[in-house]
Amino acid sequence: MHTPPGPRFRHDQAIPRHGLPVPEVLLTLEWPDGQRSELYSPSTVIYDYLRPGESLPVAELGTRARAALSEASERVRARYGFACTRTDEEQRRLEPWLARFAADQLVRISPGA
């Protein structure tokens, strides 16, 4: 079984009031036509929903990604006192990708660059 990499921290990332940087998790999604996109999460909880190395049908990927981004945002809220608005942005960016393909076509998940 593949073990996901630990959270990455960017040096230019804003530091919340508690003084700890928010983890940055990036996953690469390879779509049925071979194109790739990245999916960002401010929490490692995304690994509970999407695992590098697995392939999922588009519909299932959408369901899991939405749930993961929502939970990630709430974890940021619980820890730092505010929700992560970037998760909303990520979901808006993901929706057009999901709409391009049939629900049963496969998307491959890999670690982000």
PDB file of N, CA and C in Angstrom:
ATOM      1  N   MET A   1       0.845  -1.176   0.000  1.00  0.00           N
ATOM      2  CA  MET A   1       0.000   0.000   0.000  1.00  0.00           C
ATOM      3  C   MET A   1       0.889   1.237   0.000  1.00  0.00           C
ATOM      4  N   HIS A   2       0.521   2.217  -0.780  1.00  0.00           N
ATOM      5  CA  HIS A   2       1.284   3.459  -0.876  1.00  0.00           C
ATOM      6  C   HIS A   2       0.985   4.352   0.316  1.00  0.00           C
ATOM      7  N   THR A   3       2.015   4.867   0.945  1.00  0.00           N
ATOM      8  CA  THR A   3       1.832   5.795   2.045  1.00  0.00           C
ATOM      9  C   THR A   3       1.956   7.205   1.509  1.00  0.00           C
ATOM     10  N   PRO A   4       0.935   8.051   1.674  1.00  0.00           N
ATOM     11  CA  PRO A   4       0.995   9.404   1.145  1.00  0.00           C
ATOM     12  C   PRO A   4       2.123  10.186   1.810  1.00  0.00           C
ATOM     13  N   PRO A   5       2.697  11.132   1.070  1.00  0.00           N
ATOM     14  CA  PRO A   5       3.732  11.961   1.670  1.00  0.00           C
ATOM     15  C   PRO A   5       3.131  12.817   2.771  1.00  0.00           C
ATOM     16  N   GLY A   6       3.950  13.267   3.673  1.00  0.00           N
ATOM     17  CA  GLY A   6       3.480  14.138   4.740  1.00  0.00           C
ATOM     18  C   GLY A   6       3.096  15.499   4.195  1.00  0.00           C
ATOM     19  N   PRO A   7       2.476  16.332   5.017  1.00  0.00           N
ATOM     20  CA  PRO A   7       2.082  17.654   4.549  1.00  0.00           C
ATOM     21  C   PRO A   7       3.303  18.479   4.180  1.00  0.00           C
ATOM     22  N   ARG A   8       3.129  19.307   3.172  1.00  0.00           N
ATOM     23  CA  ARG A   8       4.212  20.187   2.764  1.00  0.00           C
ATOM     24  C   ARG A   8       3.879  21.595   3.239  1.00  0.00           C
ATOM     25  N   PHE A   9       4.885  22.350   3.556  1.00  0.00           N
ATOM     26  CA  PHE A   9       4.685  23.715   3.997  1.00  0.00           C
ATOM     27  C   PHE A   9       5.445  24.647   3.065  1.00  0.00           C
ATOM     28  N   ARG A  10       4.745  25.634   2.570  1.00  0.00           N
ATOM     29  CA  ARG A  10       5.396  26.621   1.708  1.00  0.00           C
ATOM     30  C   ARG A  10       5.941  27.728   2.582  1.00  0.00           C
ATOM     31  N   HIS A  11       7.083  28.263   2.195  1.00  0.00           N
ATOM     32  CA  HIS A  11       7.696  29.340   2.967  1.00  0.00           C
ATOM     33  C   HIS A  11       6.931  30.653   2.835  1.00  0.00           C
ATOM     34  N   ASP A  12       6.214  30.840   1.743  1.00  0.00           N
ATOM     35  CA  ASP A  12       5.454  32.076   1.550  1.00  0.00           C
ATOM     36  C   ASP A  12       4.012  31.956   2.050  1.00  0.00           C
ATOM     37  N   GLN A  13       3.705  30.858   2.668  1.00  0.00           N
ATOM     38  CA  GLN A  13       2.358  30.598   3.148  1.00  0.00           C
ATOM     39  C   GLN A  13       2.061  31.450   4.382  1.00  0.00           C
ATOM     40  N   ALA A  14       0.834  31.953   4.445  1.00  0.00           N
ATOM     41  CA  ALA A  14       0.438  32.743   5.612  1.00  0.00           C
ATOM     42  C   ALA A  14       0.437  31.864   6.851  1.00  0.00           C
ATOM     43  N   ILE A  15       0.866  32.444   7.948  1.00  0.00           N
ATOM     44  CA  ILE A  15       0.889  31.723   9.214  1.00  0.00           C
ATOM     45  C   ILE A  15      -0.313  32.201  10.031  1.00  0.00           C
ATOM     46  N   PRO A  16      -1.241  31.294  10.364  1.00  0.00           N
ATOM     47  CA  PRO A  16      -2.395  31.678  11.159  1.00  0.00           C
ATOM     48  C   PRO A  16      -1.991  32.193  12.545  1.00  0.00           C
ATOM     49  N   ARG A  17      -2.958  32.731  13.245  1.00  0.00           N
ATOM     50  CA  ARG A  17      -2.686  33.383  14.528  1.00  0.00           C
ATOM     51  C   ARG A  17      -2.033  32.473  15.557  1.00  0.00           C
ATOM     52  N   HIS A  18      -2.168  31.154  15.428  1.00  0.00           N
ATOM     53  CA  HIS A  18      -1.541  30.227  16.361  1.00  0.00           C
ATOM     54  C   HIS A  18      -0.065  30.024  16.057  1.00  0.00           C
ATOM     55  N   GLY A  19       0.419  30.600  14.961  1.00  0.00           N
ATOM     56  CA  GLY A  19       1.825  30.510  14.632  1.00  0.00           C
ATOM     57  C   GLY A  19       2.239  29.262  13.887  1.00  0.00           C
ATOM     58  N   LEU A  20       1.307  28.380  13.568  1.00  0.00           N
ATOM     59  CA  LEU A  20       1.626  27.159  12.839  1.00  0.00           C
ATOM     60  C   LEU A  20       1.148  27.283  11.405  1.00  0.00           C
ATOM     61  N   PRO A  21       1.968  26.891  10.447  1.00  0.00           N
ATOM     62  CA  PRO A  21       1.496  26.948   9.063  1.00  0.00           C
ATOM     63  C   PRO A  21       0.431  25.880   8.810  1.00  0.00           C
ATOM     64  N   VAL A  22      -0.429  26.157   7.864  1.00  0.00           N
ATOM     65  CA  VAL A  22      -1.452  25.199   7.455  1.00  0.00           C
ATOM     66  C   VAL A  22      -0.783  24.191   6.520  1.00  0.00           C
ATOM     67  N   PRO A  23      -0.993  22.884   6.728  1.00  0.00           N
ATOM     68  CA  PRO A  23      -0.386  21.916   5.814  1.00  0.00           C
ATOM     69  C   PRO A  23      -0.944  22.100   4.405  1.00  0.00           C
ATOM     70  N   GLU A  24      -0.120  21.869   3.441  1.00  0.00           N
ATOM     71  CA  GLU A  24      -0.543  21.961   2.052  1.00  0.00           C
ATOM     72  C   GLU A  24      -0.420  20.585   1.431  1.00  0.00           C
ATOM     73  N   VAL A  25      -1.529  20.038   0.993  1.00  0.00           N
ATOM     74  CA  VAL A  25      -1.533  18.739   0.336  1.00  0.00           C
ATOM     75  C   VAL A  25      -1.963  18.967  -1.113  1.00  0.00           C
ATOM     76  N   LEU A  26      -1.163  18.496  -2.031  1.00  0.00           N
ATOM     77  CA  LEU A  26      -1.493  18.584  -3.448  1.00  0.00           C
ATOM     78  C   LEU A  26      -1.597  17.180  -4.025  1.00  0.00           C
ATOM     79  N   LEU A  27      -2.660  16.947  -4.757  1.00  0.00           N
ATOM     80  CA  LEU A  27      -2.836  15.700  -5.478  1.00  0.00           C
ATOM     81  C   LEU A  27      -2.945  16.032  -6.961  1.00  0.00           C
ATOM     82  N   THR A  28      -2.412  15.164  -7.793  1.00  0.00           N
ATOM     83  CA  THR A  28      -2.557  15.312  -9.230  1.00  0.00           C
ATOM     84  C   THR A  28      -3.647  14.353  -9.692  1.00  0.00           C
ATOM     85  N   LEU A  29      -4.572  14.873 -10.478  1.00  0.00           N
ATOM     86  CA  LEU A  29      -5.654  14.079 -11.042  1.00  0.00           C
ATOM     87  C   LEU A  29      -5.386  13.921 -12.530  1.00  0.00           C
ATOM     88  N   GLU A  30      -5.300  12.672 -12.981  1.00  0.00           N
ATOM     89  CA  GLU A  30      -5.143  12.410 -14.410  1.00  0.00           C
ATOM     90  C   GLU A  30      -6.495  11.968 -14.943  1.00  0.00           C
ATOM     91  N   TRP A  31      -7.040  12.793 -15.826  1.00  0.00           N
ATOM     92  CA  TRP A  31      -8.384  12.613 -16.352  1.00  0.00           C
ATOM     93  C   TRP A  31      -8.387  11.600 -17.492  1.00  0.00           C
ATOM     94  N   PRO A  32      -9.568  11.103 -17.862  1.00  0.00           N
ATOM     95  CA  PRO A  32      -9.651  10.061 -18.891  1.00  0.00           C
ATOM     96  C   PRO A  32      -8.993  10.432 -20.225  1.00  0.00           C
ATOM     97  N   ASP A  33      -8.910  11.717 -20.551  1.00  0.00           N
ATOM     98  CA  ASP A  33      -8.295  12.125 -21.819  1.00  0.00           C
ATOM     99  C   ASP A  33      -6.795  12.374 -21.693  1.00  0.00           C
ATOM    100  N   GLY A  34      -6.224  12.079 -20.516  1.00  0.00           N
ATOM    101  CA  GLY A  34      -4.792  12.248 -20.303  1.00  0.00           C
ATOM    102  C   GLY A  34      -4.386  13.596 -19.736  1.00  0.00           C
ATOM    103  N   GLN A  35      -5.295  14.554 -19.694  1.00  0.00           N
ATOM    104  CA  GLN A  35      -4.975  15.852 -19.101  1.00  0.00           C
ATOM    105  C   GLN A  35      -4.844  15.700 -17.595  1.00  0.00           C
ATOM    106  N   ARG A  36      -4.122  16.628 -17.006  1.00  0.00           N
ATOM    107  CA  ARG A  36      -3.906  16.588 -15.558  1.00  0.00           C
ATOM    108  C   ARG A  36      -4.316  17.905 -14.921  1.00  0.00           C
ATOM    109  N   SER A  37      -4.760  17.795 -13.695  1.00  0.00           N
ATOM    110  CA  SER A  37      -5.049  18.983 -12.885  1.00  0.00           C
ATOM    111  C   SER A  37      -4.582  18.685 -11.467  1.00  0.00           C
ATOM    112  N   GLU A  38      -4.429  19.744 -10.682  1.00  0.00           N
ATOM    113  CA  GLU A  38      -4.037  19.562  -9.284  1.00  0.00           C
ATOM    114  C   GLU A  38      -5.209  19.879  -8.379  1.00  0.00           C
ATOM    115  N   LEU A  39      -5.249  19.190  -7.270  1.00  0.00           N
ATOM    116  CA  LEU A  39      -6.269  19.410  -6.255  1.00  0.00           C
ATOM    117  C   LEU A  39      -5.550  19.729  -4.953  1.00  0.00           C
ATOM    118  N   TYR A  40      -5.850  20.890  -4.387  1.00  0.00           N
ATOM    119  CA  TYR A  40      -5.228  21.376  -3.153  1.00  0.00           C
ATOM    120  C   TYR A  40      -6.141  21.108  -1.966  1.00  0.00           C
ATOM    121  N   SER A  41      -5.534  20.770  -0.849  1.00  0.00           N
ATOM    122  CA  SER A  41      -6.260  20.665   0.412  1.00  0.00           C
ATOM    123  C   SER A  41      -5.402  21.263   1.521  1.00  0.00           C
ATOM    124  N   PRO A  42      -6.017  21.994   2.445  1.00  0.00           N
ATOM    125  CA  PRO A  42      -5.281  22.541   3.576  1.00  0.00           C
ATOM    126  C   PRO A  42      -5.179  21.551   4.737  1.00  0.00           C
ATOM    127  N   SER A  43      -5.554  20.305   4.488  1.00  0.00           N
ATOM    128  CA  SER A  43      -5.547  19.302   5.553  1.00  0.00           C
ATOM    129  C   SER A  43      -5.234  17.931   4.977  1.00  0.00           C
ATOM    130  N   THR A  44      -4.534  17.148   5.752  1.00  0.00           N
ATOM    131  CA  THR A  44      -4.228  15.784   5.342  1.00  0.00           C
ATOM    132  C   THR A  44      -5.460  14.878   5.392  1.00  0.00           C
ATOM    133  N   VAL A  45      -6.586  15.386   5.865  1.00  0.00           N
ATOM    134  CA  VAL A  45      -7.819  14.598   5.880  1.00  0.00           C
ATOM    135  C   VAL A  45      -8.191  14.150   4.464  1.00  0.00           C
ATOM    136  N   ILE A  46      -7.694  14.840   3.467  1.00  0.00           N
ATOM    137  CA  ILE A  46      -8.006  14.462   2.082  1.00  0.00           C
ATOM    138  C   ILE A  46      -7.577  13.025   1.797  1.00  0.00           C
ATOM    139  N   TYR A  47      -6.519  12.558   2.496  1.00  0.00           N
ATOM    140  CA  TYR A  47      -6.054  11.179   2.296  1.00  0.00           C
ATOM    141  C   TYR A  47      -7.062  10.144   2.802  1.00  0.00           C
ATOM    142  N   ASP A  48      -8.007  10.558   3.638  1.00  0.00           N
ATOM    143  CA  ASP A  48      -9.070   9.657   4.072  1.00  0.00           C
ATOM    144  C   ASP A  48     -10.075   9.415   2.941  1.00  0.00           C
ATOM    145  N   TYR A  49     -10.076  10.298   1.958  1.00  0.00           N
ATOM    146  CA  TYR A  49     -11.033  10.235   0.859  1.00  0.00           C
ATOM    147  C   TYR A  49     -10.390   9.855  -0.473  1.00  0.00           C
ATOM    148  N   LEU A  50      -9.202  10.371  -0.722  1.00  0.00           N
ATOM    149  CA  LEU A  50      -8.520  10.179  -2.002  1.00  0.00           C
ATOM    150  C   LEU A  50      -7.096   9.733  -1.735  1.00  0.00           C
ATOM    151  N   ARG A  51      -6.716   8.611  -2.318  1.00  0.00           N
ATOM    152  CA  ARG A  51      -5.386   8.063  -2.063  1.00  0.00           C
ATOM    153  C   ARG A  51      -4.567   8.013  -3.341  1.00  0.00           C
ATOM    154  N   PRO A  52      -3.342   8.530  -3.293  1.00  0.00           N
ATOM    155  CA  PRO A  52      -2.467   8.402  -4.452  1.00  0.00           C
ATOM    156  C   PRO A  52      -2.339   6.933  -4.856  1.00  0.00           C
ATOM    157  N   GLY A  53      -2.408   6.691  -6.155  1.00  0.00           N
ATOM    158  CA  GLY A  53      -2.305   5.339  -6.680  1.00  0.00           C
ATOM    159  C   GLY A  53      -3.641   4.722  -7.029  1.00  0.00           C
ATOM    160  N   GLU A  54      -4.735   5.281  -6.540  1.00  0.00           N
ATOM    161  CA  GLU A  54      -6.026   4.695  -6.870  1.00  0.00           C
ATOM    162  C   GLU A  54      -6.655   5.408  -8.068  1.00  0.00           C
ATOM    163  N   SER A  55      -7.529   4.701  -8.734  1.00  0.00           N
ATOM    164  CA  SER A  55      -8.326   5.244  -9.831  1.00  0.00           C
ATOM    165  C   SER A  55      -9.786   5.136  -9.431  1.00  0.00           C
ATOM    166  N   LEU A  56     -10.508   6.222  -9.654  1.00  0.00           N
ATOM    167  CA  LEU A  56     -11.920   6.269  -9.274  1.00  0.00           C
ATOM    168  C   LEU A  56     -12.773   6.709 -10.446  1.00  0.00           C
ATOM    169  N   PRO A  57     -14.009   6.243 -10.511  1.00  0.00           N
ATOM    170  CA  PRO A  57     -14.937   6.795 -11.494  1.00  0.00           C
ATOM    171  C   PRO A  57     -15.146   8.291 -11.212  1.00  0.00           C
ATOM    172  N   VAL A  58     -15.379   9.048 -12.260  1.00  0.00           N
ATOM    173  CA  VAL A  58     -15.546  10.498 -12.144  1.00  0.00           C
ATOM    174  C   VAL A  58     -16.590  10.854 -11.080  1.00  0.00           C
ATOM    175  N   ALA A  59     -17.732  10.188 -11.089  1.00  0.00           N
ATOM    176  CA  ALA A  59     -18.795  10.505 -10.127  1.00  0.00           C
ATOM    177  C   ALA A  59     -18.336  10.287  -8.685  1.00  0.00           C
ATOM    178  N   GLU A  60     -17.643   9.186  -8.446  1.00  0.00           N
ATOM    179  CA  GLU A  60     -17.159   8.906  -7.086  1.00  0.00           C
ATOM    180  C   GLU A  60     -16.076   9.896  -6.673  1.00  0.00           C
ATOM    181  N   LEU A  61     -15.192  10.236  -7.605  1.00  0.00           N
ATOM    182  CA  LEU A  61     -14.163  11.238  -7.319  1.00  0.00           C
ATOM    183  C   LEU A  61     -14.824  12.549  -6.892  1.00  0.00           C
ATOM    184  N   GLY A  62     -15.861  12.963  -7.625  1.00  0.00           N
ATOM    185  CA  GLY A  62     -16.556  14.205  -7.282  1.00  0.00           C
ATOM    186  C   GLY A  62     -17.155  14.163  -5.889  1.00  0.00           C
ATOM    187  N   THR A  63     -17.819  13.071  -5.570  1.00  0.00           N
ATOM    188  CA  THR A  63     -18.430  12.924  -4.246  1.00  0.00           C
ATOM    189  C   THR A  63     -17.381  12.957  -3.146  1.00  0.00           C
ATOM    190  N   ARG A  64     -16.318  12.191  -3.321  1.00  0.00           N
ATOM    191  CA  ARG A  64     -15.269  12.137  -2.300  1.00  0.00           C
ATOM    192  C   ARG A  64     -14.523  13.465  -2.180  1.00  0.00           C
ATOM    193  N   ALA A  65     -14.209  14.091  -3.311  1.00  0.00           N
ATOM    194  CA  ALA A  65     -13.454  15.351  -3.276  1.00  0.00           C
ATOM    195  C   ALA A  65     -14.269  16.444  -2.581  1.00  0.00           C
ATOM    196  N   ARG A  66     -15.553  16.527  -2.886  1.00  0.00           N
ATOM    197  CA  ARG A  66     -16.397  17.544  -2.231  1.00  0.00           C
ATOM    198  C   ARG A  66     -16.424  17.330  -0.718  1.00  0.00           C
ATOM    199  N   ALA A  67     -16.597  16.083  -0.305  1.00  0.00           N
ATOM    200  CA  ALA A  67     -16.626  15.778   1.131  1.00  0.00           C
ATOM    201  C   ALA A  67     -15.277  16.090   1.781  1.00  0.00           C
ATOM    202  N   ALA A  68     -14.188  15.740   1.114  1.00  0.00           N
ATOM    203  CA  ALA A  68     -12.844  15.977   1.654  1.00  0.00           C
ATOM    204  C   ALA A  68     -12.575  17.467   1.799  1.00  0.00           C
ATOM    205  N   LEU A  69     -12.924  18.240   0.779  1.00  0.00           N
ATOM    206  CA  LEU A  69     -12.678  19.686   0.841  1.00  0.00           C
ATOM    207  C   LEU A  69     -13.517  20.346   1.921  1.00  0.00           C
ATOM    208  N   SER A  70     -14.746  19.894   2.079  1.00  0.00           N
ATOM    209  CA  SER A  70     -15.609  20.432   3.132  1.00  0.00           C
ATOM    210  C   SER A  70     -15.037  20.122   4.515  1.00  0.00           C
ATOM    211  N   GLU A  71     -14.632  18.872   4.714  1.00  0.00           N
ATOM    212  CA  GLU A  71     -14.063  18.499   6.009  1.00  0.00           C
ATOM    213  C   GLU A  71     -12.743  19.222   6.262  1.00  0.00           C
ATOM    214  N   ALA A  72     -11.933  19.387   5.230  1.00  0.00           N
ATOM    215  CA  ALA A  72     -10.662  20.099   5.386  1.00  0.00           C
ATOM    216  C   ALA A  72     -10.904  21.542   5.823  1.00  0.00           C
ATOM    217  N   SER A  73     -11.873  22.188   5.205  1.00  0.00           N
ATOM    218  CA  SER A  73     -12.194  23.568   5.570  1.00  0.00           C
ATOM    219  C   SER A  73     -12.658  23.662   7.022  1.00  0.00           C
ATOM    220  N   GLU A  74     -13.478  22.707   7.438  1.00  0.00           N
ATOM    221  CA  GLU A  74     -13.964  22.706   8.822  1.00  0.00           C
ATOM    222  C   GLU A  74     -12.836  22.421   9.818  1.00  0.00           C
ATOM    223  N   ARG A  75     -11.873  21.610   9.430  1.00  0.00           N
ATOM    224  CA  ARG A  75     -10.724  21.373  10.310  1.00  0.00           C
ATOM    225  C   ARG A  75      -9.906  22.650  10.487  1.00  0.00           C
ATOM    226  N   VAL A  76      -9.763  23.402   9.402  1.00  0.00           N
ATOM    227  CA  VAL A  76      -9.066  24.695   9.506  1.00  0.00           C
ATOM    228  C   VAL A  76      -9.855  25.610  10.436  1.00  0.00           C
ATOM    229  N   ARG A  77     -11.178  25.639  10.294  1.00  0.00           N
ATOM    230  CA  ARG A  77     -12.014  26.483  11.155  1.00  0.00           C
ATOM    231  C   ARG A  77     -11.844  26.086  12.633  1.00  0.00           C
ATOM    232  N   ALA A  78     -11.868  24.795  12.896  1.00  0.00           N
ATOM    233  CA  ALA A  78     -11.742  24.325  14.272  1.00  0.00           C
ATOM    234  C   ALA A  78     -10.380  24.674  14.868  1.00  0.00           C
ATOM    235  N   ARG A  79      -9.351  24.610  14.056  1.00  0.00           N
ATOM    236  CA  ARG A  79      -8.001  24.843  14.575  1.00  0.00           C
ATOM    237  C   ARG A  79      -7.625  26.316  14.642  1.00  0.00           C
ATOM    238  N   TYR A  80      -8.043  27.084  13.613  1.00  0.00           N
ATOM    239  CA  TYR A  80      -7.580  28.472  13.506  1.00  0.00           C
ATOM    240  C   TYR A  80      -8.674  29.516  13.675  1.00  0.00           C
ATOM    241  N   GLY A  81      -9.934  29.083  13.736  1.00  0.00           N
ATOM    242  CA  GLY A  81     -11.016  30.027  13.957  1.00  0.00           C
ATOM    243  C   GLY A  81     -11.634  30.593  12.688  1.00  0.00           C
ATOM    244  N   PHE A  82     -11.223  30.133  11.533  1.00  0.00           N
ATOM    245  CA  PHE A  82     -11.804  30.585  10.273  1.00  0.00           C
ATOM    246  C   PHE A  82     -11.742  29.448   9.263  1.00  0.00           C
ATOM    247  N   ALA A  83     -12.728  29.421   8.379  1.00  0.00           N
ATOM    248  CA  ALA A  83     -12.763  28.384   7.341  1.00  0.00           C
ATOM    249  C   ALA A  83     -11.755  28.704   6.254  1.00  0.00           C
ATOM    250  N   CYS A  84     -11.367  27.711   5.508  1.00  0.00           N
ATOM    251  CA  CYS A  84     -10.441  27.894   4.399  1.00  0.00           C
ATOM    252  C   CYS A  84     -11.246  28.177   3.136  1.00  0.00           C
ATOM    253  N   THR A  85     -11.196  29.399   2.662  1.00  0.00           N
ATOM    254  CA  THR A  85     -11.950  29.760   1.464  1.00  0.00           C
ATOM    255  C   THR A  85     -11.338  29.153   0.207  1.00  0.00           C
ATOM    256  N   ARG A  86     -10.079  28.766   0.271  1.00  0.00           N
ATOM    257  CA  ARG A  86      -9.467  28.156  -0.910  1.00  0.00           C
ATOM    258  C   ARG A  86     -10.121  26.810  -1.240  1.00  0.00           C
ATOM    259  N   THR A  87     -10.679  26.136  -0.248  1.00  0.00           N
ATOM    260  CA  THR A  87     -11.357  24.869  -0.550  1.00  0.00           C
ATOM    261  C   THR A  87     -12.589  25.115  -1.417  1.00  0.00           C
ATOM    262  N   ASP A  88     -13.278  26.235  -1.195  1.00  0.00           N
ATOM    263  CA  ASP A  88     -14.413  26.591  -2.055  1.00  0.00           C
ATOM    264  C   ASP A  88     -13.923  26.836  -3.482  1.00  0.00           C
ATOM    265  N   GLU A  89     -12.813  27.533  -3.594  1.00  0.00           N
ATOM    266  CA  GLU A  89     -12.215  27.809  -4.904  1.00  0.00           C
ATOM    267  C   GLU A  89     -11.806  26.506  -5.594  1.00  0.00           C
ATOM    268  N   GLU A  90     -11.221  25.583  -4.848  1.00  0.00           N
ATOM    269  CA  GLU A  90     -10.825  24.298  -5.414  1.00  0.00           C
ATOM    270  C   GLU A  90     -12.039  23.526  -5.921  1.00  0.00           C
ATOM    271  N   GLN A  91     -13.112  23.568  -5.169  1.00  0.00           N
ATOM    272  CA  GLN A  91     -14.319  22.860  -5.605  1.00  0.00           C
ATOM    273  C   GLN A  91     -14.870  23.486  -6.875  1.00  0.00           C
ATOM    274  N   ARG A  92     -14.879  24.825  -6.964  1.00  0.00           N
ATOM    275  CA  ARG A  92     -15.347  25.486  -8.185  1.00  0.00           C
ATOM    276  C   ARG A  92     -14.465  25.129  -9.382  1.00  0.00           C
ATOM    277  N   ARG A  93     -13.165  24.987  -9.168  1.00  0.00           N
ATOM    278  CA  ARG A  93     -12.253  24.602 -10.246  1.00  0.00           C
ATOM    279  C   ARG A  93     -12.451  23.150 -10.658  1.00  0.00           C
ATOM    280  N   LEU A  94     -12.840  22.299  -9.716  1.00  0.00           N
ATOM    281  CA  LEU A  94     -13.013  20.878  -9.983  1.00  0.00           C
ATOM    282  C   LEU A  94     -14.278  20.589 -10.796  1.00  0.00           C
ATOM    283  N   GLU A  95     -15.335  21.331 -10.559  1.00  0.00           N
ATOM    284  CA  GLU A  95     -16.633  21.043 -11.177  1.00  0.00           C
ATOM    285  C   GLU A  95     -16.592  20.971 -12.709  1.00  0.00           C
ATOM    286  N   PRO A  96     -15.945  21.909 -13.406  1.00  0.00           N
ATOM    287  CA  PRO A  96     -15.894  21.795 -14.872  1.00  0.00           C
ATOM    288  C   PRO A  96     -15.170  20.531 -15.349  1.00  0.00           C
ATOM    289  N   TRP A  97     -14.145  20.121 -14.627  1.00  0.00           N
ATOM    290  CA  TRP A  97     -13.450  18.877 -14.970  1.00  0.00           C
ATOM    291  C   TRP A  97     -14.406  17.697 -14.852  1.00  0.00           C
ATOM    292  N   LEU A  98     -15.142  17.642 -13.774  1.00  0.00           N
ATOM    293  CA  LEU A  98     -16.084  16.545 -13.555  1.00  0.00           C
ATOM    294  C   LEU A  98     -17.156  16.501 -14.637  1.00  0.00           C
ATOM    295  N   ALA A  99     -17.579  17.668 -15.099  1.00  0.00           N
ATOM    296  CA  ALA A  99     -18.645  17.754 -16.100  1.00  0.00           C
ATOM    297  C   ALA A  99     -18.185  17.315 -17.493  1.00  0.00           C
ATOM    298  N   ARG A 100     -16.892  17.288 -17.738  1.00  0.00           N
ATOM    299  CA  ARG A 100     -16.365  16.944 -19.068  1.00  0.00           C
ATOM    300  C   ARG A 100     -16.455  15.461 -19.404  1.00  0.00           C
ATOM    301  N   PHE A 101     -16.578  14.629 -18.384  1.00  0.00           N
ATOM    302  CA  PHE A 101     -16.454  13.193 -18.600  1.00  0.00           C
ATOM    303  C   PHE A 101     -17.678  12.443 -18.088  1.00  0.00           C
ATOM    304  N   ALA A 102     -17.856  11.251 -18.621  1.00  0.00           N
ATOM    305  CA  ALA A 102     -18.952  10.391 -18.167  1.00  0.00           C
ATOM    306  C   ALA A 102     -18.688   9.950 -16.729  1.00  0.00           C
ATOM    307  N   ALA A 103     -19.752   9.728 -15.998  1.00  0.00           N
ATOM    308  CA  ALA A 103     -19.665   9.379 -14.576  1.00  0.00           C
ATOM    309  C   ALA A 103     -18.832   8.131 -14.314  1.00  0.00           C
ATOM    310  N   ASP A 104     -18.803   7.206 -15.261  1.00  0.00           N
ATOM    311  CA  ASP A 104     -18.093   5.945 -15.035  1.00  0.00           C
ATOM    312  C   ASP A 104     -16.657   5.918 -15.571  1.00  0.00           C
ATOM    313  N   GLN A 105     -16.207   7.003 -16.202  1.00  0.00           N
ATOM    314  CA  GLN A 105     -14.828   7.057 -16.666  1.00  0.00           C
ATOM    315  C   GLN A 105     -13.889   7.210 -15.469  1.00  0.00           C
ATOM    316  N   LEU A 106     -12.684   6.682 -15.590  1.00  0.00           N
ATOM    317  CA  LEU A 106     -11.747   6.650 -14.452  1.00  0.00           C
ATOM    318  C   LEU A 106     -10.786   7.829 -14.434  1.00  0.00           C
ATOM    319  N   VAL A 107     -10.532   8.299 -13.215  1.00  0.00           N
ATOM    320  CA  VAL A 107      -9.545   9.344 -12.946  1.00  0.00           C
ATOM    321  C   VAL A 107      -8.498   8.741 -12.034  1.00  0.00           C
ATOM    322  N   ARG A 108      -7.224   8.899 -12.401  1.00  0.00           N
ATOM    323  CA  ARG A 108      -6.124   8.368 -11.598  1.00  0.00           C
ATOM    324  C   ARG A 108      -5.607   9.471 -10.672  1.00  0.00           C
ATOM    325  N   ILE A 109      -5.362   9.099  -9.420  1.00  0.00           N
ATOM    326  CA  ILE A 109      -4.883  10.035  -8.401  1.00  0.00           C
ATOM    327  C   ILE A 109      -3.417   9.726  -8.117  1.00  0.00           C
ATOM    328  N   SER A 110      -2.598  10.770  -8.102  1.00  0.00           N
ATOM    329  CA  SER A 110      -1.190  10.599  -7.748  1.00  0.00           C
ATOM    330  C   SER A 110      -0.740  11.770  -6.885  1.00  0.00           C
ATOM    331  N   PRO A 111       0.411  11.641  -6.218  1.00  0.00           N
ATOM    332  CA  PRO A 111       0.898  12.753  -5.406  1.00  0.00           C
ATOM    333  C   PRO A 111       1.107  13.975  -6.273  1.00  0.00           C
ATOM    334  N   GLY A 112       0.882  15.141  -5.703  1.00  0.00           N
ATOM    335  CA  GLY A 112       1.075  16.386  -6.430  1.00  0.00           C
ATOM    336  C   GLY A 112       2.540  16.698  -6.631  1.00  0.00           C
ATOM    337  N   ALA A 113       2.776  17.562  -7.575  1.00  0.00           N
ATOM    338  CA  ALA A 113       4.152  17.961  -7.902  1.00  0.00           C
ATOM    339  C   ALA A 113       4.726  18.907  -6.883  1.00  0.00           C
TER     340      ALA A 113
END
